[in-house]
N, C-alpha and C. Protein backbone atom coordinates (compact mmCIF):
# COMPACT_ATOMS: atom_id res chain seq x y z
N MET A 1 17.71 -7.57 17.66
CA MET A 1 17.90 -8.53 18.73
C MET A 1 18.67 -9.71 18.18
N ARG A 2 19.76 -10.05 18.83
CA ARG A 2 20.60 -11.15 18.37
C ARG A 2 20.24 -12.40 19.16
N ARG A 3 19.97 -13.46 18.48
CA ARG A 3 19.60 -14.71 19.14
C ARG A 3 20.79 -15.64 19.12
N ARG A 4 21.23 -16.09 20.26
CA ARG A 4 22.31 -17.07 20.33
C ARG A 4 21.77 -18.30 21.02
N ARG A 5 21.54 -19.31 20.25
CA ARG A 5 20.96 -20.55 20.77
C ARG A 5 21.72 -21.74 20.22
N LEU A 6 21.68 -22.82 20.96
CA LEU A 6 22.10 -24.09 20.36
C LEU A 6 20.99 -24.46 19.40
N LEU A 7 21.31 -24.54 18.14
CA LEU A 7 20.27 -24.72 17.14
C LEU A 7 19.65 -26.11 17.19
N GLN A 8 20.45 -27.10 17.53
CA GLN A 8 19.90 -28.44 17.55
C GLN A 8 20.68 -29.30 18.53
N GLY A 9 20.00 -30.22 19.18
CA GLY A 9 20.65 -31.21 20.01
C GLY A 9 21.05 -32.40 19.17
N ALA A 10 21.63 -33.39 19.82
CA ALA A 10 22.10 -34.56 19.07
C ALA A 10 20.97 -35.26 18.33
N ALA A 11 19.79 -35.32 18.95
CA ALA A 11 18.67 -35.99 18.28
C ALA A 11 18.25 -35.25 17.02
N THR A 12 18.23 -33.92 17.11
CA THR A 12 17.83 -33.13 15.95
C THR A 12 18.84 -33.26 14.83
N VAL A 13 20.12 -33.29 15.19
CA VAL A 13 21.17 -33.46 14.17
C VAL A 13 20.98 -34.79 13.45
N GLY A 14 20.67 -35.82 14.23
CA GLY A 14 20.43 -37.13 13.62
C GLY A 14 19.24 -37.09 12.69
N THR A 15 18.17 -36.40 13.12
CA THR A 15 16.98 -36.29 12.28
C THR A 15 17.28 -35.53 11.01
N ALA A 16 18.05 -34.44 11.13
CA ALA A 16 18.40 -33.65 9.94
C ALA A 16 19.22 -34.49 8.97
N GLY A 17 20.13 -35.29 9.50
CA GLY A 17 20.92 -36.16 8.63
C GLY A 17 20.05 -37.16 7.91
N LEU A 18 19.08 -37.72 8.62
CA LEU A 18 18.16 -38.66 8.00
C LEU A 18 17.31 -37.97 6.95
N ALA A 19 16.87 -36.75 7.27
CA ALA A 19 16.02 -36.01 6.31
C ALA A 19 16.76 -35.78 5.01
N GLY A 20 18.07 -35.55 5.10
CA GLY A 20 18.85 -35.32 3.89
C GLY A 20 18.91 -36.54 3.01
N CYS A 21 18.70 -37.72 3.57
CA CYS A 21 18.75 -38.95 2.79
C CYS A 21 17.41 -39.29 2.15
N LEU A 22 16.36 -38.58 2.53
CA LEU A 22 15.04 -38.85 1.99
C LEU A 22 14.80 -38.03 0.74
N SER A 23 13.74 -38.31 0.07
CA SER A 23 13.44 -37.58 -1.15
C SER A 23 13.13 -36.12 -0.84
N MET A 24 13.17 -35.29 -1.87
CA MET A 24 12.95 -33.86 -1.67
C MET A 24 11.60 -33.57 -1.04
N PHE A 25 10.61 -34.37 -1.31
CA PHE A 25 9.26 -34.07 -0.85
C PHE A 25 8.79 -34.99 0.26
N GLY A 26 9.69 -35.57 1.03
CA GLY A 26 9.29 -36.37 2.17
C GLY A 26 9.83 -37.78 2.08
N SER A 27 9.50 -38.56 3.08
CA SER A 27 10.00 -39.91 3.12
C SER A 27 9.26 -40.79 2.12
N ASP A 28 9.85 -41.92 1.80
CA ASP A 28 9.27 -42.81 0.81
C ASP A 28 8.42 -43.92 1.44
N ASN A 29 8.22 -43.86 2.75
CA ASN A 29 7.51 -44.96 3.41
C ASN A 29 6.10 -44.59 3.84
N GLY A 30 5.52 -43.54 3.28
CA GLY A 30 4.15 -43.18 3.60
C GLY A 30 3.99 -42.38 4.87
N GLU A 31 5.07 -42.08 5.57
CA GLU A 31 4.98 -41.28 6.78
C GLU A 31 4.85 -39.81 6.41
N ARG A 32 4.64 -39.00 7.42
CA ARG A 32 4.49 -37.56 7.22
C ARG A 32 5.70 -37.00 6.49
N PRO A 33 5.49 -36.20 5.44
CA PRO A 33 6.62 -35.65 4.68
C PRO A 33 7.40 -34.62 5.48
N ASP A 34 8.67 -34.49 5.17
CA ASP A 34 9.54 -33.52 5.81
C ASP A 34 9.44 -32.17 5.10
N PRO A 35 9.73 -31.08 5.81
CA PRO A 35 9.77 -29.78 5.12
C PRO A 35 10.87 -29.76 4.08
N VAL A 36 10.67 -28.93 3.06
CA VAL A 36 11.64 -28.83 1.97
C VAL A 36 12.37 -27.48 2.04
N ASP A 37 13.45 -27.38 1.31
CA ASP A 37 14.24 -26.16 1.21
C ASP A 37 13.51 -25.17 0.30
N LEU A 38 13.26 -23.96 0.80
CA LEU A 38 12.55 -22.96 0.01
C LEU A 38 13.48 -21.89 -0.57
N SER A 39 14.78 -22.15 -0.57
CA SER A 39 15.71 -21.20 -1.16
C SER A 39 15.79 -21.41 -2.67
N GLY A 40 16.52 -20.53 -3.34
CA GLY A 40 16.82 -20.75 -4.75
C GLY A 40 15.78 -20.26 -5.73
N GLY A 41 15.14 -19.14 -5.44
CA GLY A 41 14.22 -18.55 -6.42
C GLY A 41 12.89 -19.24 -6.54
N LYS A 42 12.35 -19.73 -5.44
CA LYS A 42 11.00 -20.31 -5.46
C LYS A 42 9.98 -19.18 -5.25
N PHE A 43 8.80 -19.34 -5.85
CA PHE A 43 7.80 -18.30 -5.80
C PHE A 43 6.52 -18.79 -5.12
N ASP A 44 5.94 -17.91 -4.34
CA ASP A 44 4.77 -18.16 -3.51
C ASP A 44 3.60 -18.69 -4.35
N ASP A 45 2.95 -19.76 -3.86
CA ASP A 45 1.82 -20.33 -4.58
C ASP A 45 0.53 -19.55 -4.38
N GLN A 46 0.52 -18.58 -3.50
CA GLN A 46 -0.68 -17.78 -3.29
C GLN A 46 -0.60 -16.43 -4.00
N GLY A 47 0.57 -15.80 -3.99
CA GLY A 47 0.67 -14.47 -4.58
C GLY A 47 1.75 -14.29 -5.61
N GLY A 48 2.61 -15.31 -5.80
CA GLY A 48 3.63 -15.25 -6.83
C GLY A 48 4.89 -14.50 -6.46
N MET A 49 5.03 -14.06 -5.21
CA MET A 49 6.23 -13.33 -4.80
C MET A 49 7.36 -14.32 -4.50
N GLU A 50 8.59 -13.86 -4.71
CA GLU A 50 9.74 -14.73 -4.44
C GLU A 50 9.90 -14.94 -2.94
N ILE A 51 10.21 -16.16 -2.56
CA ILE A 51 10.38 -16.51 -1.15
C ILE A 51 11.78 -16.12 -0.70
N GLY A 52 11.87 -15.40 0.40
CA GLY A 52 13.16 -15.02 0.96
C GLY A 52 13.44 -13.55 1.01
N PRO A 53 13.41 -12.82 -0.11
CA PRO A 53 13.85 -11.43 -0.11
C PRO A 53 12.99 -10.46 0.69
N HIS A 54 11.74 -10.81 1.00
CA HIS A 54 10.82 -9.85 1.60
C HIS A 54 10.79 -9.91 3.12
N GLY A 55 11.46 -10.87 3.71
CA GLY A 55 11.47 -10.99 5.17
C GLY A 55 10.24 -11.71 5.69
N GLY A 56 10.34 -12.13 6.94
CA GLY A 56 9.21 -12.76 7.61
C GLY A 56 9.17 -14.26 7.44
N ALA A 57 8.29 -14.87 8.24
CA ALA A 57 8.14 -16.32 8.26
C ALA A 57 7.60 -16.84 6.93
N ASN A 58 8.08 -18.02 6.54
CA ASN A 58 7.62 -18.73 5.35
C ASN A 58 6.78 -19.92 5.79
N GLY A 59 6.05 -20.50 4.84
CA GLY A 59 5.26 -21.67 5.18
C GLY A 59 5.19 -22.64 4.01
N GLN A 60 4.80 -23.87 4.33
CA GLN A 60 4.59 -24.90 3.30
C GLN A 60 3.54 -25.89 3.79
N ILE A 61 2.69 -26.32 2.86
CA ILE A 61 1.60 -27.23 3.19
C ILE A 61 1.58 -28.40 2.22
N PHE A 62 1.59 -29.61 2.78
CA PHE A 62 1.41 -30.84 2.01
C PHE A 62 -0.04 -31.30 2.15
N TYR A 63 -0.63 -31.72 1.03
CA TYR A 63 -2.01 -32.21 1.05
C TYR A 63 -2.06 -33.68 0.65
N GLU A 64 -3.11 -34.34 1.11
CA GLU A 64 -3.29 -35.77 0.88
C GLU A 64 -3.34 -36.11 -0.61
N ASN A 65 -4.16 -35.39 -1.36
CA ASN A 65 -4.38 -35.74 -2.77
C ASN A 65 -4.18 -34.58 -3.72
N GLU A 66 -3.52 -33.53 -3.28
CA GLU A 66 -3.35 -32.35 -4.11
C GLU A 66 -1.88 -31.93 -4.11
N THR A 67 -1.37 -31.58 -5.29
CA THR A 67 -0.01 -31.06 -5.40
C THR A 67 -0.02 -29.89 -6.39
N PRO A 68 0.96 -29.01 -6.30
CA PRO A 68 1.02 -27.90 -7.26
C PRO A 68 1.15 -28.43 -8.68
N SER A 69 0.36 -27.91 -9.60
CA SER A 69 0.33 -28.43 -10.96
C SER A 69 1.65 -28.24 -11.70
N GLU A 70 2.39 -27.19 -11.35
CA GLU A 70 3.64 -26.92 -12.07
C GLU A 70 4.84 -27.65 -11.48
N ARG A 71 4.64 -28.42 -10.41
CA ARG A 71 5.74 -29.17 -9.81
C ARG A 71 5.35 -30.64 -9.68
N ASP A 72 6.34 -31.49 -9.70
CA ASP A 72 6.11 -32.92 -9.58
C ASP A 72 6.08 -33.30 -8.10
N GLY A 73 4.95 -33.09 -7.47
CA GLY A 73 4.80 -33.42 -6.06
C GLY A 73 5.26 -32.30 -5.15
N GLY A 74 5.25 -32.61 -3.87
CA GLY A 74 5.74 -31.66 -2.89
C GLY A 74 4.67 -30.72 -2.36
N PRO A 75 5.09 -29.81 -1.51
CA PRO A 75 4.13 -28.92 -0.87
C PRO A 75 3.82 -27.69 -1.71
N PHE A 76 2.76 -27.03 -1.30
CA PHE A 76 2.53 -25.65 -1.72
C PHE A 76 3.36 -24.79 -0.77
N TRP A 77 3.96 -23.70 -1.28
CA TRP A 77 4.83 -22.90 -0.41
C TRP A 77 4.51 -21.42 -0.49
N PHE A 78 4.88 -20.69 0.59
CA PHE A 78 4.40 -19.32 0.79
C PHE A 78 5.48 -18.45 1.44
N HIS A 79 5.55 -17.19 0.98
CA HIS A 79 6.54 -16.27 1.54
C HIS A 79 5.97 -15.41 2.66
N THR A 80 4.69 -15.51 2.92
CA THR A 80 4.06 -14.76 4.00
C THR A 80 2.97 -15.63 4.62
N LEU A 81 2.85 -15.57 5.93
CA LEU A 81 1.80 -16.33 6.59
C LEU A 81 0.46 -15.60 6.52
N VAL A 82 0.51 -14.27 6.69
CA VAL A 82 -0.72 -13.47 6.77
C VAL A 82 -1.45 -13.39 5.44
N PHE A 83 -0.70 -13.23 4.34
CA PHE A 83 -1.33 -13.04 3.04
C PHE A 83 -1.22 -14.26 2.12
N GLY A 84 -0.47 -15.28 2.52
CA GLY A 84 -0.29 -16.45 1.69
C GLY A 84 -0.74 -17.74 2.36
N PHE A 85 0.04 -18.18 3.32
CA PHE A 85 -0.15 -19.48 3.97
C PHE A 85 -1.57 -19.64 4.53
N PHE A 86 -1.97 -18.74 5.43
CA PHE A 86 -3.27 -18.92 6.08
C PHE A 86 -4.46 -18.73 5.14
N PRO A 87 -4.50 -17.71 4.27
CA PRO A 87 -5.62 -17.63 3.34
C PRO A 87 -5.74 -18.86 2.44
N PHE A 88 -4.61 -19.38 1.96
CA PHE A 88 -4.62 -20.58 1.13
C PHE A 88 -5.15 -21.77 1.94
N TYR A 89 -4.64 -21.93 3.16
CA TYR A 89 -5.07 -23.03 4.02
C TYR A 89 -6.57 -22.97 4.30
N PHE A 90 -7.09 -21.79 4.66
CA PHE A 90 -8.52 -21.68 4.96
C PHE A 90 -9.37 -21.99 3.72
N ASP A 91 -8.96 -21.48 2.57
CA ASP A 91 -9.72 -21.71 1.34
C ASP A 91 -9.75 -23.20 0.98
N ARG A 92 -8.60 -23.85 1.06
CA ARG A 92 -8.55 -25.28 0.71
C ARG A 92 -9.26 -26.13 1.75
N ARG A 93 -9.22 -25.74 2.99
CA ARG A 93 -9.96 -26.47 4.02
C ARG A 93 -11.46 -26.42 3.72
N ASN A 94 -11.94 -25.25 3.29
CA ASN A 94 -13.35 -25.12 2.92
C ASN A 94 -13.71 -25.99 1.72
N ARG A 95 -12.74 -26.30 0.87
CA ARG A 95 -12.97 -27.15 -0.30
C ARG A 95 -12.86 -28.63 0.03
N GLY A 96 -12.47 -28.93 1.28
CA GLY A 96 -12.35 -30.33 1.69
C GLY A 96 -10.99 -30.95 1.50
N TRP A 97 -9.98 -30.15 1.15
CA TRP A 97 -8.62 -30.69 1.03
C TRP A 97 -8.11 -31.11 2.40
N GLU A 98 -7.43 -32.25 2.45
CA GLU A 98 -6.90 -32.75 3.72
C GLU A 98 -5.39 -32.60 3.75
N THR A 99 -4.89 -31.98 4.81
CA THR A 99 -3.45 -31.78 4.96
C THR A 99 -2.78 -33.04 5.48
N THR A 100 -1.54 -33.25 5.06
CA THR A 100 -0.72 -34.31 5.66
C THR A 100 0.38 -33.70 6.53
N ALA A 101 0.77 -32.45 6.24
CA ALA A 101 1.75 -31.75 7.06
C ALA A 101 1.71 -30.27 6.72
N MET A 102 1.90 -29.44 7.75
CA MET A 102 1.98 -27.99 7.56
C MET A 102 3.16 -27.48 8.37
N TYR A 103 4.01 -26.71 7.72
CA TYR A 103 5.20 -26.19 8.39
C TYR A 103 5.31 -24.68 8.20
N VAL A 104 5.80 -24.01 9.24
CA VAL A 104 6.12 -22.59 9.16
C VAL A 104 7.48 -22.36 9.80
N THR A 105 8.08 -21.23 9.49
CA THR A 105 9.36 -20.87 10.10
C THR A 105 9.23 -20.89 11.62
N ASP A 106 10.18 -21.52 12.28
CA ASP A 106 10.23 -21.56 13.74
C ASP A 106 11.40 -20.69 14.19
N PHE A 107 11.11 -19.49 14.69
CA PHE A 107 12.18 -18.58 15.08
C PHE A 107 12.88 -19.01 16.36
N SER A 108 12.35 -20.01 17.07
CA SER A 108 13.09 -20.59 18.20
C SER A 108 14.22 -21.49 17.72
N ALA A 109 14.15 -21.93 16.47
CA ALA A 109 15.12 -22.89 15.94
C ALA A 109 16.24 -22.24 15.16
N VAL A 110 16.23 -20.91 15.06
CA VAL A 110 17.25 -20.22 14.28
C VAL A 110 17.86 -19.08 15.08
N GLU A 111 19.06 -18.71 14.70
CA GLU A 111 19.66 -17.50 15.21
C GLU A 111 19.21 -16.38 14.27
N TYR A 112 18.50 -15.42 14.79
CA TYR A 112 17.98 -14.38 13.91
C TYR A 112 18.28 -12.99 14.48
N GLU A 113 18.19 -12.02 13.59
CA GLU A 113 18.37 -10.63 13.97
C GLU A 113 17.27 -9.81 13.31
N VAL A 114 16.53 -9.06 14.10
CA VAL A 114 15.54 -8.15 13.55
C VAL A 114 16.28 -7.02 12.86
N GLN A 115 15.94 -6.78 11.60
CA GLN A 115 16.64 -5.77 10.81
C GLN A 115 15.69 -4.64 10.45
N LYS A 116 16.26 -3.48 10.19
CA LYS A 116 15.46 -2.33 9.73
C LYS A 116 15.35 -2.38 8.21
N ARG A 117 14.14 -2.33 7.71
CA ARG A 117 13.89 -2.23 6.27
C ARG A 117 12.94 -1.06 6.08
N ASP A 118 13.38 -0.09 5.31
CA ASP A 118 12.58 1.12 5.12
C ASP A 118 12.19 1.73 6.47
N GLY A 119 13.11 1.66 7.43
CA GLY A 119 12.88 2.25 8.74
C GLY A 119 12.01 1.45 9.68
N THR A 120 11.61 0.25 9.26
CA THR A 120 10.71 -0.58 10.07
C THR A 120 11.39 -1.88 10.46
N PRO A 121 11.30 -2.29 11.75
CA PRO A 121 11.87 -3.58 12.15
C PRO A 121 11.20 -4.72 11.38
N THR A 122 12.02 -5.61 10.82
CA THR A 122 11.52 -6.71 10.00
C THR A 122 12.24 -8.01 10.36
N MET A 123 11.47 -9.09 10.45
CA MET A 123 12.07 -10.39 10.71
C MET A 123 12.76 -10.90 9.45
N PRO A 124 13.82 -11.71 9.63
CA PRO A 124 14.46 -12.35 8.47
C PRO A 124 13.56 -13.45 7.92
N SER A 125 14.03 -14.09 6.85
CA SER A 125 13.22 -15.10 6.16
C SER A 125 14.02 -16.37 5.91
N PRO A 126 14.25 -17.17 6.96
CA PRO A 126 15.00 -18.42 6.76
C PRO A 126 14.26 -19.38 5.83
N THR A 127 15.01 -20.14 5.05
CA THR A 127 14.37 -21.03 4.07
C THR A 127 14.84 -22.49 4.16
N ALA A 128 15.84 -22.79 4.99
CA ALA A 128 16.36 -24.15 5.07
C ALA A 128 15.34 -25.08 5.73
N PRO A 129 15.35 -26.37 5.39
CA PRO A 129 14.36 -27.30 5.95
C PRO A 129 14.35 -27.35 7.48
N ASP A 130 15.53 -27.23 8.10
CA ASP A 130 15.57 -27.35 9.56
C ASP A 130 15.15 -26.08 10.28
N THR A 131 14.70 -25.06 9.54
CA THR A 131 14.19 -23.85 10.17
C THR A 131 12.67 -23.88 10.29
N PHE A 132 12.04 -24.98 9.88
CA PHE A 132 10.59 -25.09 9.92
C PHE A 132 10.13 -25.98 11.07
N GLY A 133 8.97 -25.65 11.62
CA GLY A 133 8.35 -26.45 12.66
C GLY A 133 6.90 -26.73 12.30
N ASP A 134 6.30 -27.67 13.00
CA ASP A 134 4.90 -28.04 12.80
C ASP A 134 4.02 -26.83 13.08
N ALA A 135 3.33 -26.36 12.06
CA ALA A 135 2.55 -25.13 12.18
C ALA A 135 1.51 -25.20 13.29
N SER A 136 0.96 -26.38 13.53
CA SER A 136 -0.12 -26.50 14.52
C SER A 136 0.37 -26.49 15.95
N GLU A 137 1.68 -26.59 16.15
CA GLU A 137 2.21 -26.69 17.51
C GLU A 137 2.99 -25.46 17.96
N LEU A 138 3.10 -24.45 17.12
CA LEU A 138 3.88 -23.27 17.46
C LEU A 138 3.01 -22.19 18.08
N THR A 139 3.65 -21.28 18.79
CA THR A 139 3.00 -20.08 19.32
C THR A 139 3.34 -18.93 18.38
N TYR A 140 2.32 -18.18 17.96
CA TYR A 140 2.49 -17.09 17.01
C TYR A 140 2.35 -15.75 17.73
N VAL A 141 3.23 -14.82 17.42
CA VAL A 141 3.09 -13.46 17.95
C VAL A 141 2.46 -12.60 16.87
N MET A 142 1.30 -12.03 17.20
CA MET A 142 0.62 -11.13 16.27
C MET A 142 0.62 -9.71 16.84
N ASP A 143 0.43 -8.73 15.98
CA ASP A 143 0.30 -7.32 16.37
C ASP A 143 1.53 -6.75 17.04
N SER A 144 2.71 -7.24 16.69
CA SER A 144 3.94 -6.65 17.22
C SER A 144 4.36 -5.48 16.33
N SER A 145 5.43 -4.81 16.72
CA SER A 145 5.95 -3.71 15.90
C SER A 145 6.89 -4.20 14.81
N VAL A 146 7.06 -5.52 14.70
CA VAL A 146 7.99 -6.10 13.73
C VAL A 146 7.20 -6.65 12.55
N ARG A 147 7.64 -6.27 11.35
CA ARG A 147 6.96 -6.70 10.13
C ARG A 147 7.34 -8.13 9.73
N GLY A 148 6.47 -8.70 8.92
CA GLY A 148 6.77 -9.94 8.24
C GLY A 148 6.81 -9.66 6.75
N GLY A 149 6.56 -10.67 5.92
CA GLY A 149 6.48 -10.45 4.49
C GLY A 149 5.23 -9.64 4.15
N MET A 150 5.36 -8.60 3.40
CA MET A 150 4.26 -7.76 2.93
C MET A 150 3.59 -6.96 4.04
N GLY A 151 4.24 -6.76 5.15
CA GLY A 151 3.65 -5.91 6.19
C GLY A 151 3.43 -6.63 7.49
N PRO A 152 2.18 -6.64 8.01
CA PRO A 152 1.94 -7.23 9.31
C PRO A 152 2.38 -8.68 9.35
N GLY A 153 3.02 -9.06 10.43
CA GLY A 153 3.58 -10.40 10.50
C GLY A 153 3.00 -11.25 11.60
N LEU A 154 3.08 -12.55 11.39
CA LEU A 154 2.88 -13.55 12.43
C LEU A 154 4.24 -14.19 12.62
N HIS A 155 4.74 -14.17 13.85
CA HIS A 155 6.09 -14.65 14.12
C HIS A 155 6.00 -15.90 15.00
N PRO A 156 6.26 -17.08 14.43
CA PRO A 156 6.08 -18.34 15.16
C PRO A 156 7.30 -18.75 15.99
N PHE A 157 7.03 -19.34 17.14
CA PHE A 157 8.07 -19.84 18.04
C PHE A 157 7.62 -21.17 18.62
N SER A 158 8.54 -22.14 18.69
CA SER A 158 8.22 -23.41 19.33
C SER A 158 8.39 -23.33 20.84
N ASP A 159 9.17 -22.37 21.31
CA ASP A 159 9.41 -22.17 22.74
C ASP A 159 8.59 -20.97 23.20
N GLU A 160 7.63 -21.21 24.09
CA GLU A 160 6.76 -20.13 24.56
C GLU A 160 7.54 -19.02 25.25
N GLN A 161 8.65 -19.37 25.90
CA GLN A 161 9.47 -18.34 26.54
C GLN A 161 10.09 -17.41 25.50
N ASP A 162 10.45 -17.96 24.35
CA ASP A 162 10.97 -17.12 23.27
C ASP A 162 9.89 -16.17 22.77
N ALA A 163 8.67 -16.67 22.64
CA ALA A 163 7.55 -15.82 22.22
C ALA A 163 7.31 -14.71 23.24
N ASP A 164 7.35 -15.06 24.52
CA ASP A 164 7.13 -14.06 25.57
C ASP A 164 8.23 -13.01 25.57
N ALA A 165 9.48 -13.44 25.35
CA ALA A 165 10.59 -12.49 25.30
C ALA A 165 10.44 -11.55 24.11
N PHE A 166 9.98 -12.09 22.99
CA PHE A 166 9.75 -11.28 21.80
C PHE A 166 8.67 -10.23 22.08
N VAL A 167 7.58 -10.65 22.73
CA VAL A 167 6.49 -9.73 23.07
C VAL A 167 7.00 -8.65 24.02
N SER A 168 7.85 -9.01 24.97
CA SER A 168 8.38 -8.03 25.92
C SER A 168 9.17 -6.94 25.20
N GLU A 169 9.87 -7.32 24.14
CA GLU A 169 10.70 -6.35 23.43
C GLU A 169 9.95 -5.61 22.33
N TYR A 170 9.05 -6.30 21.64
CA TYR A 170 8.43 -5.71 20.45
C TYR A 170 6.91 -5.57 20.53
N GLY A 171 6.33 -5.92 21.67
CA GLY A 171 4.88 -5.84 21.79
C GLY A 171 4.20 -7.00 21.09
N GLY A 172 2.88 -6.94 21.04
CA GLY A 172 2.12 -7.98 20.38
C GLY A 172 1.46 -8.92 21.37
N GLU A 173 0.90 -9.97 20.83
CA GLU A 173 0.15 -10.94 21.62
C GLU A 173 0.44 -12.35 21.13
N PRO A 174 0.80 -13.26 22.05
CA PRO A 174 1.01 -14.65 21.63
C PRO A 174 -0.32 -15.37 21.47
N VAL A 175 -0.45 -16.12 20.37
CA VAL A 175 -1.68 -16.88 20.12
C VAL A 175 -1.31 -18.27 19.61
N ALA A 176 -2.21 -19.21 19.85
CA ALA A 176 -2.02 -20.57 19.36
C ALA A 176 -2.55 -20.69 17.93
N PHE A 177 -2.13 -21.74 17.24
CA PHE A 177 -2.56 -21.99 15.86
C PHE A 177 -4.08 -21.99 15.76
N ASP A 178 -4.76 -22.67 16.67
CA ASP A 178 -6.22 -22.78 16.60
C ASP A 178 -6.93 -21.45 16.82
N ASP A 179 -6.23 -20.47 17.39
CA ASP A 179 -6.82 -19.14 17.58
C ASP A 179 -6.74 -18.28 16.32
N LEU A 180 -5.97 -18.74 15.33
CA LEU A 180 -5.81 -17.98 14.09
C LEU A 180 -6.92 -18.37 13.11
N THR A 181 -8.08 -17.83 13.36
CA THR A 181 -9.26 -18.07 12.53
C THR A 181 -9.21 -17.15 11.31
N PRO A 182 -10.05 -17.40 10.30
CA PRO A 182 -10.10 -16.48 9.17
C PRO A 182 -10.36 -15.04 9.59
N ALA A 183 -11.23 -14.83 10.58
CA ALA A 183 -11.54 -13.47 11.03
C ALA A 183 -10.31 -12.81 11.66
N VAL A 184 -9.56 -13.55 12.43
CA VAL A 184 -8.36 -12.99 13.06
C VAL A 184 -7.32 -12.65 12.00
N VAL A 185 -7.11 -13.53 11.04
CA VAL A 185 -6.13 -13.26 9.99
C VAL A 185 -6.56 -12.06 9.15
N GLU A 186 -7.85 -11.92 8.87
CA GLU A 186 -8.34 -10.74 8.16
C GLU A 186 -8.10 -9.47 8.96
N GLN A 187 -8.24 -9.57 10.27
CA GLN A 187 -7.97 -8.41 11.14
C GLN A 187 -6.49 -8.01 11.04
N ILE A 188 -5.61 -9.01 11.03
CA ILE A 188 -4.17 -8.73 10.90
C ILE A 188 -3.88 -8.10 9.53
N GLN A 189 -4.50 -8.63 8.49
CA GLN A 189 -4.32 -8.06 7.15
C GLN A 189 -4.77 -6.60 7.14
N GLY A 190 -5.85 -6.31 7.82
CA GLY A 190 -6.38 -4.94 7.86
C GLY A 190 -5.50 -3.97 8.59
N SER A 191 -4.59 -4.48 9.42
CA SER A 191 -3.69 -3.60 10.16
C SER A 191 -2.58 -3.05 9.29
N GLN A 192 -2.50 -3.50 8.02
CA GLN A 192 -1.45 -3.05 7.09
C GLN A 192 -1.44 -1.53 7.00
N SER A 193 -2.62 -0.94 6.88
CA SER A 193 -2.68 0.52 6.71
C SER A 193 -2.31 1.25 7.99
N MET A 194 -2.35 0.53 9.12
CA MET A 194 -2.01 1.15 10.40
C MET A 194 -0.66 0.70 10.90
N SER A 195 0.15 0.03 10.04
CA SER A 195 1.43 -0.51 10.48
C SER A 195 2.33 0.58 11.01
N ARG A 196 3.10 0.20 12.03
CA ARG A 196 3.93 1.18 12.74
C ARG A 196 5.19 1.49 11.99
């Protein structure tokens, strides 16, 4: 499926320009940090896989008082939502870590094409900062015939009509961020053996 969209309006272009002037890990004035670029051989903080080559939505999480030990600040980053982003988020939430920002790939914000990998439809894996949206505000499509990183995917969209169009073509069910509980994510992980 080929997506042809205006990627950004004038306001978004202005925001992207401003984001480029800020530090790599967010603004310097104490406001919510901006998403970072996940290209260039970065590896998942949950499973160690390289971000990008495996397809599917990526994610990144900034915490109030916690940063990756091997990096000087910035978010924890993930190449899969089902096996990386959400398990890490749930575990750290149980430990009392407080998030300052959470971002995932927003497929409404990019021109994408579902590709065949090993005979299975697979979403691409955008990594640029402007391809991410607020994880808590997106609609996720689960249980579709399209894979993400490492198998079953969650495909996020900021535009509910885009999510509905995706479901019409590839099946699945649209769900909100708050509906993605640990039990639901475990159910999605369990569908790996039954993947289409």
